[in-house]
PDB file of N, CA and C in Angstrom:
ATOM      1  N   MET A   1       9.821  -7.718   8.390  1.00  0.00           N
ATOM      2  CA  MET A   1       8.608  -6.432   7.595  1.00  0.00           C
ATOM      3  C   MET A   1       7.821  -5.932   8.882  1.00  0.00           C
ATOM      4  N   SER A   2       7.422  -4.911   8.844  1.00  0.00           N
ATOM      5  CA  SER A   2       6.622  -4.108   9.990  1.00  0.00           C
ATOM      6  C   SER A   2       5.290  -5.177  10.174  1.00  0.00           C
ATOM      7  N   GLU A   3       4.865  -4.945  11.211  1.00  0.00           N
ATOM      8  CA  GLU A   3       3.299  -5.692  11.285  1.00  0.00           C
ATOM      9  C   GLU A   3       2.039  -4.899  10.626  1.00  0.00           C
ATOM     10  N   ILE A   4       2.291  -3.516  10.562  1.00  0.00           N
ATOM     11  CA  ILE A   4       1.206  -3.005  10.019  1.00  0.00           C
ATOM     12  C   ILE A   4       1.550  -3.176   8.452  1.00  0.00           C
ATOM     13  N   PHE A   5       2.064  -3.158   7.896  1.00  0.00           N
ATOM     14  CA  PHE A   5       2.802  -3.815   6.386  1.00  0.00           C
ATOM     15  C   PHE A   5       2.059  -4.934   6.226  1.00  0.00           C
ATOM     16  N   GLU A   6       2.320  -6.039   6.994  1.00  0.00           N
ATOM     17  CA  GLU A   6       2.059  -7.612   7.198  1.00  0.00           C
ATOM     18  C   GLU A   6       0.397  -7.478   7.309  1.00  0.00           C
ATOM     19  N   TYR A   7      -0.230  -6.653   7.886  1.00  0.00           N
ATOM     20  CA  TYR A   7      -1.562  -6.570   8.027  1.00  0.00           C
ATOM     21  C   TYR A   7      -2.377  -6.047   6.911  1.00  0.00           C
ATOM     22  N   PHE A   8      -1.738  -4.961   6.616  1.00  0.00           N
ATOM     23  CA  PHE A   8      -2.518  -4.391   5.253  1.00  0.00           C
ATOM     24  C   PHE A   8      -2.216  -5.299   4.216  1.00  0.00           C
ATOM     25  N   PHE A   9      -1.014  -5.356   3.872  1.00  0.00           N
ATOM     26  CA  PHE A   9      -0.710  -6.248   2.423  1.00  0.00           C
ATOM     27  C   PHE A   9      -1.754  -7.774   3.015  1.00  0.00           C
ATOM     28  N   ASP A  10      -1.553  -8.654   3.715  1.00  0.00           N
ATOM     29  CA  ASP A  10      -2.478  -9.595   3.751  1.00  0.00           C
ATOM     30  C   ASP A  10      -3.787  -9.369   3.650  1.00  0.00           C
ATOM     31  N   ALA A  11      -4.303  -8.219   4.550  1.00  0.00           N
ATOM     32  CA  ALA A  11      -5.778  -8.171   4.881  1.00  0.00           C
ATOM     33  C   ALA A  11      -6.808  -7.355   3.528  1.00  0.00           C
ATOM     34  N   TYR A  12      -5.569  -6.568   2.610  1.00  0.00           N
ATOM     35  CA  TYR A  12      -6.410  -6.005   1.474  1.00  0.00           C
ATOM     36  C   TYR A  12      -5.950  -6.326   0.201  1.00  0.00           C
ATOM     37  N   PHE A  13      -4.653  -6.698   0.112  1.00  0.00           N
ATOM     38  CA  PHE A  13      -4.256  -7.009  -1.164  1.00  0.00           C
ATOM     39  C   PHE A  13      -3.823  -8.467  -1.337  1.00  0.00           C
ATOM     40  N   HIS A  14      -4.971  -8.978  -0.697  1.00  0.00           N
ATOM     41  CA  HIS A  14      -4.777 -10.880  -0.986  1.00  0.00           C
ATOM     42  C   HIS A  14      -4.959 -11.094  -2.408  1.00  0.00           C
ATOM     43  N   GLN A  15      -4.860 -12.135  -2.476  1.00  0.00           N
ATOM     44  CA  GLN A  15      -4.743 -12.411  -4.389  1.00  0.00           C
ATOM     45  C   GLN A  15      -6.586 -12.227  -4.796  1.00  0.00           C
ATOM     46  N   ASP A  16      -7.356 -11.909  -3.787  1.00  0.00           N
ATOM     47  CA  ASP A  16      -9.055 -11.783  -5.092  1.00  0.00           C
ATOM     48  C   ASP A  16      -9.317 -10.029  -4.492  1.00  0.00           C
ATOM     49  N   TRP A  17      -8.317  -9.452  -4.366  1.00  0.00           N
ATOM     50  CA  TRP A  17      -8.302  -7.861  -3.808  1.00  0.00           C
ATOM     51  C   TRP A  17      -9.493  -7.189  -4.794  1.00  0.00           C
ATOM     52  N   ARG A  18      -9.132  -7.695  -6.171  1.00  0.00           N
ATOM     53  CA  ARG A  18      -9.372  -7.142  -7.733  1.00  0.00           C
ATOM     54  C   ARG A  18     -10.559  -7.456  -7.667  1.00  0.00           C
ATOM     55  N   ASP A  19     -11.543  -8.321  -6.854  1.00  0.00           N
ATOM     56  CA  ASP A  19     -13.118  -8.827  -7.081  1.00  0.00           C
ATOM     57  C   ASP A  19     -13.837  -7.491  -5.859  1.00  0.00           C
ATOM     58  N   ASP A  20     -13.147  -6.796  -5.164  1.00  0.00           N
ATOM     59  CA  ASP A  20     -13.140  -5.878  -4.166  1.00  0.00           C
ATOM     60  C   ASP A  20     -13.208  -4.678  -4.062  1.00  0.00           C
ATOM     61  N   TYR A  21     -12.335  -4.043  -5.575  1.00  0.00           N
ATOM     62  CA  TYR A  21     -11.777  -2.683  -5.545  1.00  0.00           C
ATOM     63  C   TYR A  21     -11.354  -2.850  -6.561  1.00  0.00           C
ATOM     64  N   GLU A  22     -11.749  -1.298  -7.196  1.00  0.00           N
ATOM     65  CA  GLU A  22     -11.464  -1.434  -9.022  1.00  0.00           C
ATOM     66  C   GLU A  22      -9.836  -0.772  -9.419  1.00  0.00           C
ATOM     67  N   SER A  23      -9.141  -0.237  -8.055  1.00  0.00           N
ATOM     68  CA  SER A  23      -7.813   0.073  -8.298  1.00  0.00           C
ATOM     69  C   SER A  23      -7.255  -0.195  -6.634  1.00  0.00           C
ATOM     70  N   THR A  24      -5.965   0.140  -7.159  1.00  0.00           N
ATOM     71  CA  THR A  24      -4.762  -0.096  -5.634  1.00  0.00           C
ATOM     72  C   THR A  24      -5.175   1.080  -4.942  1.00  0.00           C
ATOM     73  N   LEU A  25      -5.377   2.218  -5.400  1.00  0.00           N
ATOM     74  CA  LEU A  25      -5.613   3.349  -4.549  1.00  0.00           C
ATOM     75  C   LEU A  25      -6.884   3.092  -3.799  1.00  0.00           C
ATOM     76  N   ALA A  26      -7.884   2.649  -4.617  1.00  0.00           N
ATOM     77  CA  ALA A  26      -9.079   2.102  -3.792  1.00  0.00           C
ATOM     78  C   ALA A  26      -8.995   1.415  -2.696  1.00  0.00           C
ATOM     79  N   VAL A  27      -8.221   0.795  -2.680  1.00  0.00           N
ATOM     80  CA  VAL A  27      -7.929  -0.498  -1.552  1.00  0.00           C
ATOM     81  C   VAL A  27      -6.981   0.500  -0.725  1.00  0.00           C
ATOM     82  N   VAL A  28      -6.286   1.197  -0.742  1.00  0.00           N
ATOM     83  CA  VAL A  28      -5.974   2.007   0.314  1.00  0.00           C
ATOM     84  C   VAL A  28      -7.036   2.947   0.941  1.00  0.00           C
ATOM     85  N   GLU A  29      -8.105   3.602  -0.057  1.00  0.00           N
ATOM     86  CA  GLU A  29      -9.017   4.174   0.619  1.00  0.00           C
ATOM     87  C   GLU A  29     -10.070   3.579   1.388  1.00  0.00           C
ATOM     88  N   GLY A  30      -9.824   2.399   0.944  1.00  0.00           N
ATOM     89  CA  GLY A  30     -10.877   1.106   1.930  1.00  0.00           C
ATOM     90  C   GLY A  30     -10.209   0.892   3.148  1.00  0.00           C
ATOM     91  N   PHE A  31      -8.763   0.812   3.323  1.00  0.00           N
ATOM     92  CA  PHE A  31      -8.397   0.532   4.458  1.00  0.00           C
ATOM     93  C   PHE A  31      -8.475   1.538   5.274  1.00  0.00           C
ATOM     94  N   LYS A  32      -8.316   2.930   4.889  1.00  0.00           N
ATOM     95  CA  LYS A  32      -8.377   4.406   5.399  1.00  0.00           C
ATOM     96  C   LYS A  32      -9.468   4.446   6.292  1.00  0.00           C
ATOM     97  N   ASN A  33     -10.894   3.937   5.300  1.00  0.00           N
ATOM     98  CA  ASN A  33     -11.814   4.084   5.971  1.00  0.00           C
ATOM     99  C   ASN A  33     -12.569   3.240   6.864  1.00  0.00           C
ATOM    100  N   ALA A  34     -11.748   1.867   6.754  1.00  0.00           N
ATOM    101  CA  ALA A  34     -11.929   0.822   7.601  1.00  0.00           C
ATOM    102  C   ALA A  34     -11.345   0.434   9.196  1.00  0.00           C
ATOM    103  N   GLU A  35      -9.934   1.189   9.147  1.00  0.00           N
ATOM    104  CA  GLU A  35      -9.151   0.748  10.196  1.00  0.00           C
ATOM    105  C   GLU A  35      -9.338   1.893  11.344  1.00  0.00           C
ATOM    106  N   PRO A  36      -8.760   1.722  12.170  1.00  0.00           N
ATOM    107  CA  PRO A  36      -8.855   2.748  13.222  1.00  0.00           C
ATOM    108  C   PRO A  36      -7.631   3.895  12.836  1.00  0.00           C
ATOM    109  N   THR A  37      -7.663   5.020  13.201  1.00  0.00           N
ATOM    110  CA  THR A  37      -6.591   6.087  12.993  1.00  0.00           C
ATOM    111  C   THR A  37      -5.888   5.627  13.354  1.00  0.00           C
ATOM    112  N   GLU A  38      -5.049   5.084  14.299  1.00  0.00           N
ATOM    113  CA  GLU A  38      -3.584   4.632  14.712  1.00  0.00           C
ATOM    114  C   GLU A  38      -3.684   3.587  13.877  1.00  0.00           C
ATOM    115  N   SER A  39      -4.006   2.924  13.219  1.00  0.00           N
ATOM    116  CA  SER A  39      -3.391   1.852  12.322  1.00  0.00           C
ATOM    117  C   SER A  39      -3.235   2.584  10.890  1.00  0.00           C
ATOM    118  N   VAL A  40      -4.145   3.699  10.747  1.00  0.00           N
ATOM    119  CA  VAL A  40      -4.032   4.462   9.538  1.00  0.00           C
ATOM    120  C   VAL A  40      -2.352   5.382   9.608  1.00  0.00           C
ATOM    121  N   VAL A  41      -2.134   6.049  10.643  1.00  0.00           N
ATOM    122  CA  VAL A  41      -1.056   6.757  11.030  1.00  0.00           C
ATOM    123  C   VAL A  41       0.230   5.660  11.231  1.00  0.00           C
ATOM    124  N   GLN A  42       0.272   4.354  11.658  1.00  0.00           N
ATOM    125  CA  GLN A  42       1.339   3.600  11.282  1.00  0.00           C
ATOM    126  C   GLN A  42       1.662   3.054  10.163  1.00  0.00           C
ATOM    127  N   LEU A  43       0.771   3.013   9.123  1.00  0.00           N
ATOM    128  CA  LEU A  43       0.866   2.961   7.815  1.00  0.00           C
ATOM    129  C   LEU A  43       1.608   3.835   6.903  1.00  0.00           C
ATOM    130  N   VAL A  44       1.156   4.765   7.203  1.00  0.00           N
ATOM    131  CA  VAL A  44       1.815   6.514   6.884  1.00  0.00           C
ATOM    132  C   VAL A  44       3.120   6.887   6.969  1.00  0.00           C
ATOM    133  N   GLN A  45       3.861   6.129   8.265  1.00  0.00           N
ATOM    134  CA  GLN A  45       4.945   6.324   8.704  1.00  0.00           C
ATOM    135  C   GLN A  45       5.804   5.141   8.203  1.00  0.00           C
ATOM    136  N   GLU A  46       5.226   3.975   8.166  1.00  0.00           N
ATOM    137  CA  GLU A  46       5.795   2.882   7.255  1.00  0.00           C
ATOM    138  C   GLU A  46       5.792   3.443   5.882  1.00  0.00           C
ATOM    139  N   LEU A  47       5.102   3.817   5.465  1.00  0.00           N
ATOM    140  CA  LEU A  47       5.301   4.157   3.755  1.00  0.00           C
ATOM    141  C   LEU A  47       6.228   5.517   3.646  1.00  0.00           C
ATOM    142  N   LYS A  48       6.204   6.211   4.381  1.00  0.00           N
ATOM    143  CA  LYS A  48       7.425   7.415   4.439  1.00  0.00           C
ATOM    144  C   LYS A  48       8.593   7.007   4.725  1.00  0.00           C
ATOM    145  N   GLU A  49       8.534   5.850   5.266  1.00  0.00           N
ATOM    146  CA  GLU A  49       9.903   4.897   5.604  1.00  0.00           C
ATOM    147  C   GLU A  49      10.535   4.620   4.276  1.00  0.00           C
ATOM    148  N   LEU A  50       9.646   3.647   3.708  1.00  0.00           N
ATOM    149  CA  LEU A  50       9.947   2.883   2.711  1.00  0.00           C
ATOM    150  C   LEU A  50      10.327   3.721   1.340  1.00  0.00           C
ATOM    151  N   LEU A  51       9.656   4.971   1.393  1.00  0.00           N
ATOM    152  CA  LEU A  51       9.742   5.917   0.039  1.00  0.00           C
ATOM    153  C   LEU A  51      11.327   6.456   0.439  1.00  0.00           C
ATOM    154  N   SER A  52      11.691   6.549   1.716  1.00  0.00           N
ATOM    155  CA  SER A  52      13.339   6.987   1.752  1.00  0.00           C
ATOM    156  C   SER A  52      14.136   6.443   1.202  1.00  0.00           C
ATOM    157  N   LYS A  53      13.910   4.671   0.988  1.00  0.00           N
ATOM    158  CA  LYS A  53      14.892   4.013   0.630  1.00  0.00           C
ATOM    159  C   LYS A  53      15.098   4.439  -0.846  1.00  0.00           C
ATOM    160  N   GLU A  54      16.148   4.140  -1.413  1.00  0.00           N
ATOM    161  CA  GLU A  54      16.624   4.471  -2.726  1.00  0.00           C
ATOM    162  C   GLU A  54      16.105   3.334  -3.894  1.00  0.00           C
ATOM    163  N   ASP A  55      16.441   2.326  -3.142  1.00  0.00           N
ATOM    164  CA  ASP A  55      16.087   0.978  -4.636  1.00  0.00           C
ATOM    165  C   ASP A  55      15.068   0.392  -4.259  1.00  0.00           C
ATOM    166  N   LEU A  56      13.675   0.849  -4.784  1.00  0.00           N
ATOM    167  CA  LEU A  56      12.388   0.401  -4.610  1.00  0.00           C
ATOM    168  C   LEU A  56      12.053  -0.326  -5.704  1.00  0.00           C
ATOM    169  N   LEU A  57      12.570  -1.633  -5.962  1.00  0.00           N
ATOM    170  CA  LEU A  57      12.162  -2.223  -6.881  1.00  0.00           C
ATOM    171  C   LEU A  57      11.061  -2.443  -7.471  1.00  0.00           C
ATOM    172  N   GLN A  58      10.207  -3.166  -8.528  1.00  0.00           N
ATOM    173  CA  GLN A  58       9.001  -3.160  -9.086  1.00  0.00           C
ATOM    174  C   GLN A  58       8.072  -4.553  -8.008  1.00  0.00           C
ATOM    175  N   ASP A  59       8.917  -5.286  -7.654  1.00  0.00           N
ATOM    176  CA  ASP A  59       8.493  -6.284  -6.651  1.00  0.00           C
ATOM    177  C   ASP A  59       8.378  -6.014  -5.184  1.00  0.00           C
ATOM    178  N   THR A  60       8.646  -4.598  -4.840  1.00  0.00           N
ATOM    179  CA  THR A  60       8.896  -4.187  -3.380  1.00  0.00           C
ATOM    180  C   THR A  60       7.491  -4.821  -2.663  1.00  0.00           C
ATOM    181  N   PHE A  61       6.367  -4.713  -3.215  1.00  0.00           N
ATOM    182  CA  PHE A  61       5.087  -5.057  -2.831  1.00  0.00           C
ATOM    183  C   PHE A  61       5.077  -6.521  -2.580  1.00  0.00           C
ATOM    184  N   ASN A  62       5.441  -7.280  -3.553  1.00  0.00           N
ATOM    185  CA  ASN A  62       5.410  -9.047  -3.583  1.00  0.00           C
ATOM    186  C   ASN A  62       6.145  -9.075  -2.381  1.00  0.00           C
ATOM    187  N   LYS A  63       7.129  -8.598  -2.189  1.00  0.00           N
ATOM    188  CA  LYS A  63       8.020  -9.226  -0.967  1.00  0.00           C
ATOM    189  C   LYS A  63       7.214  -9.156   0.410  1.00  0.00           C
ATOM    190  N   LEU A  64       6.701  -7.687   0.440  1.00  0.00           N
ATOM    191  CA  LEU A  64       5.934  -7.410   1.437  1.00  0.00           C
ATOM    192  C   LEU A  64       4.725  -8.292   1.874  1.00  0.00           C
ATOM    193  N   GLY A  65       4.387  -8.890   0.823  1.00  0.00           N
ATOM    194  CA  GLY A  65       2.889  -9.900   0.944  1.00  0.00           C
ATOM    195  C   GLY A  65       2.144  -9.432   0.193  1.00  0.00           C
ATOM    196  N   GLY A  66       1.686  -8.243  -0.788  1.00  0.00           N
ATOM    197  CA  GLY A  66       1.050  -7.534  -1.223  1.00  0.00           C
ATOM    198  C   GLY A  66       0.903  -8.773  -2.820  1.00  0.00           C
ATOM    199  N   ASN A  67      -0.185  -8.483  -3.407  1.00  0.00           N
ATOM    200  CA  ASN A  67      -0.354  -9.083  -4.489  1.00  0.00           C
ATOM    201  C   ASN A  67      -0.517  -8.143  -5.517  1.00  0.00           C
ATOM    202  N   PHE A  68       0.205  -7.621  -6.192  1.00  0.00           N
ATOM    203  CA  PHE A  68       0.173  -6.471  -7.037  1.00  0.00           C
ATOM    204  C   PHE A  68       1.622  -5.701  -7.538  1.00  0.00           C
ATOM    205  N   LYS A  69       1.377  -5.090  -8.402  1.00  0.00           N
ATOM    206  CA  LYS A  69       2.723  -4.074  -9.060  1.00  0.00           C
ATOM    207  C   LYS A  69       2.530  -3.322  -9.082  1.00  0.00           C
ATOM    208  N   PRO A  70       2.561  -2.122  -8.932  1.00  0.00           N
ATOM    209  CA  PRO A  70       2.340  -0.617  -9.353  1.00  0.00           C
ATOM    210  C   PRO A  70       2.159  -0.408 -11.001  1.00  0.00           C
ATOM    211  N   GLU A  71       3.510  -1.230 -11.464  1.00  0.00           N
ATOM    212  CA  GLU A  71       3.382  -0.864 -12.959  1.00  0.00           C
ATOM    213  C   GLU A  71       2.129  -1.189 -13.437  1.00  0.00           C
ATOM    214  N   SER A  72       1.194  -2.254 -12.901  1.00  0.00           N
ATOM    215  CA  SER A  72       0.225  -2.441 -13.569  1.00  0.00           C
ATOM    216  C   SER A  72      -1.181  -1.569 -13.900  1.00  0.00           C
ATOM    217  N   GLU A  73      -0.681   0.020 -12.948  1.00  0.00           N
ATOM    218  CA  GLU A  73      -1.555   0.865 -12.956  1.00  0.00           C
ATOM    219  C   GLU A  73      -0.332   2.155 -13.363  1.00  0.00           C
ATOM    220  N   GLY A  74       0.693   1.710 -14.236  1.00  0.00           N
ATOM    221  CA  GLY A  74       1.300   2.731 -14.928  1.00  0.00           C
ATOM    222  C   GLY A  74       2.239   3.542 -14.025  1.00  0.00           C
ATOM    223  N   MET A  75       2.530   3.216 -12.744  1.00  0.00           N
ATOM    224  CA  MET A  75       3.253   3.747 -11.731  1.00  0.00           C
ATOM    225  C   MET A  75       4.500   3.001 -11.413  1.00  0.00           C
ATOM    226  N   SER A  76       5.744   3.864 -10.890  1.00  0.00           N
ATOM    227  CA  SER A  76       6.854   3.233 -10.302  1.00  0.00           C
ATOM    228  C   SER A  76       6.343   2.769  -8.504  1.00  0.00           C
ATOM    229  N   VAL A  77       7.199   2.037  -7.942  1.00  0.00           N
ATOM    230  CA  VAL A  77       6.986   2.139  -6.566  1.00  0.00           C
ATOM    231  C   VAL A  77       6.826   3.390  -5.720  1.00  0.00           C
ATOM    232  N   ALA A  78       8.109   3.975  -6.146  1.00  0.00           N
ATOM    233  CA  ALA A  78       8.093   5.458  -5.676  1.00  0.00           C
ATOM    234  C   ALA A  78       6.822   6.539  -5.799  1.00  0.00           C
ATOM    235  N   GLU A  79       6.455   6.312  -6.899  1.00  0.00           N
ATOM    236  CA  GLU A  79       4.742   6.921  -7.362  1.00  0.00           C
ATOM    237  C   GLU A  79       3.802   6.345  -7.043  1.00  0.00           C
ATOM    238  N   TRP A  80       3.829   5.244  -6.582  1.00  0.00           N
ATOM    239  CA  TRP A  80       2.816   4.552  -5.972  1.00  0.00           C
ATOM    240  C   TRP A  80       2.437   5.040  -4.307  1.00  0.00           C
ATOM    241  N   VAL A  81       3.546   5.035  -4.060  1.00  0.00           N
ATOM    242  CA  VAL A  81       4.032   4.860  -2.333  1.00  0.00           C
ATOM    243  C   VAL A  81       3.234   6.729  -2.244  1.00  0.00           C
ATOM    244  N   VAL A  82       3.611   7.824  -2.944  1.00  0.00           N
ATOM    245  CA  VAL A  82       3.555   8.869  -2.779  1.00  0.00           C
ATOM    246  C   VAL A  82       2.006   9.260  -2.939  1.00  0.00           C
ATOM    247  N   ARG A  83       1.340   8.394  -3.903  1.00  0.00           N
ATOM    248  CA  ARG A  83      -0.097   8.586  -4.347  1.00  0.00           C
ATOM    249  C   ARG A  83      -0.815   8.113  -3.401  1.00  0.00           C
ATOM    250  N   ALA A  84      -0.518   6.631  -2.592  1.00  0.00           N
ATOM    251  CA  ALA A  84      -0.883   5.986  -1.314  1.00  0.00           C
ATOM    252  C   ALA A  84      -1.192   7.138  -0.078  1.00  0.00           C
ATOM    253  N   LEU A  85      -0.071   7.813  -0.101  1.00  0.00           N
ATOM    254  CA  LEU A  85       0.187   9.008   0.751  1.00  0.00           C
ATOM    255  C   LEU A  85      -0.772   9.882   1.117  1.00  0.00           C
ATOM    256  N   GLU A  86      -0.855  10.443  -0.377  1.00  0.00           N
ATOM    257  CA  GLU A  86      -1.939  11.414  -0.583  1.00  0.00           C
ATOM    258  C   GLU A  86      -3.267  10.782  -0.114  1.00  0.00           C
ATOM    259  N   VAL A  87      -3.681   9.726  -0.447  1.00  0.00           N
ATOM    260  CA  VAL A  87      -5.007   8.950  -0.189  1.00  0.00           C
ATOM    261  C   VAL A  87      -5.221   8.965   1.332  1.00  0.00           C
ATOM    262  N   LEU A  88      -4.526   8.651   1.775  1.00  0.00           N
ATOM    263  CA  LEU A  88      -4.245   8.395   3.479  1.00  0.00           C
ATOM    264  C   LEU A  88      -4.210   9.789   4.299  1.00  0.00           C
ATOM    265  N   ASP A  89      -3.859  10.621   3.521  1.00  0.00           N
ATOM    266  CA  ASP A  89      -3.746  12.216   3.972  1.00  0.00           C
ATOM    267  C   ASP A  89      -5.151  13.164   4.126  1.00  0.00           C
ATOM    268  N   ARG A  90      -6.007  12.492   3.235  1.00  0.00           N
ATOM    269  CA  ARG A  90      -7.082  13.449   2.847  1.00  0.00           C
ATOM    270  C   ARG A  90      -8.136  13.425   4.219  1.00  0.00           C
TER     271      ARG A  90
END
C-alpha cells in the first residue's frame, strides 16, 4: 500500500469519519482543503493508478484501510474514484 493511501484512509476514513463529514466526497474535500498540495497531487496520482486496474472490488477501500464502501452512496469503486478525482481537481 502506498504511504499516501495509508495516511488518507487512516486519517480521514477512520471508524468515526461519519461524525465529521456528511459524505465520502466531503471527506475528500476536507483532505484537499487541509493537506499540502504535494499530498493532494500524490493522492490524485495514486487514485488514477488505482482506476487503471480492471478488477476494483467493492471492498477495495477496506483493504486499503478505509472504513467505507462506495456502494453505501450508490457508486461502484471506479465511479467513486472518478468523483473523488473531480473533487481533488477543482
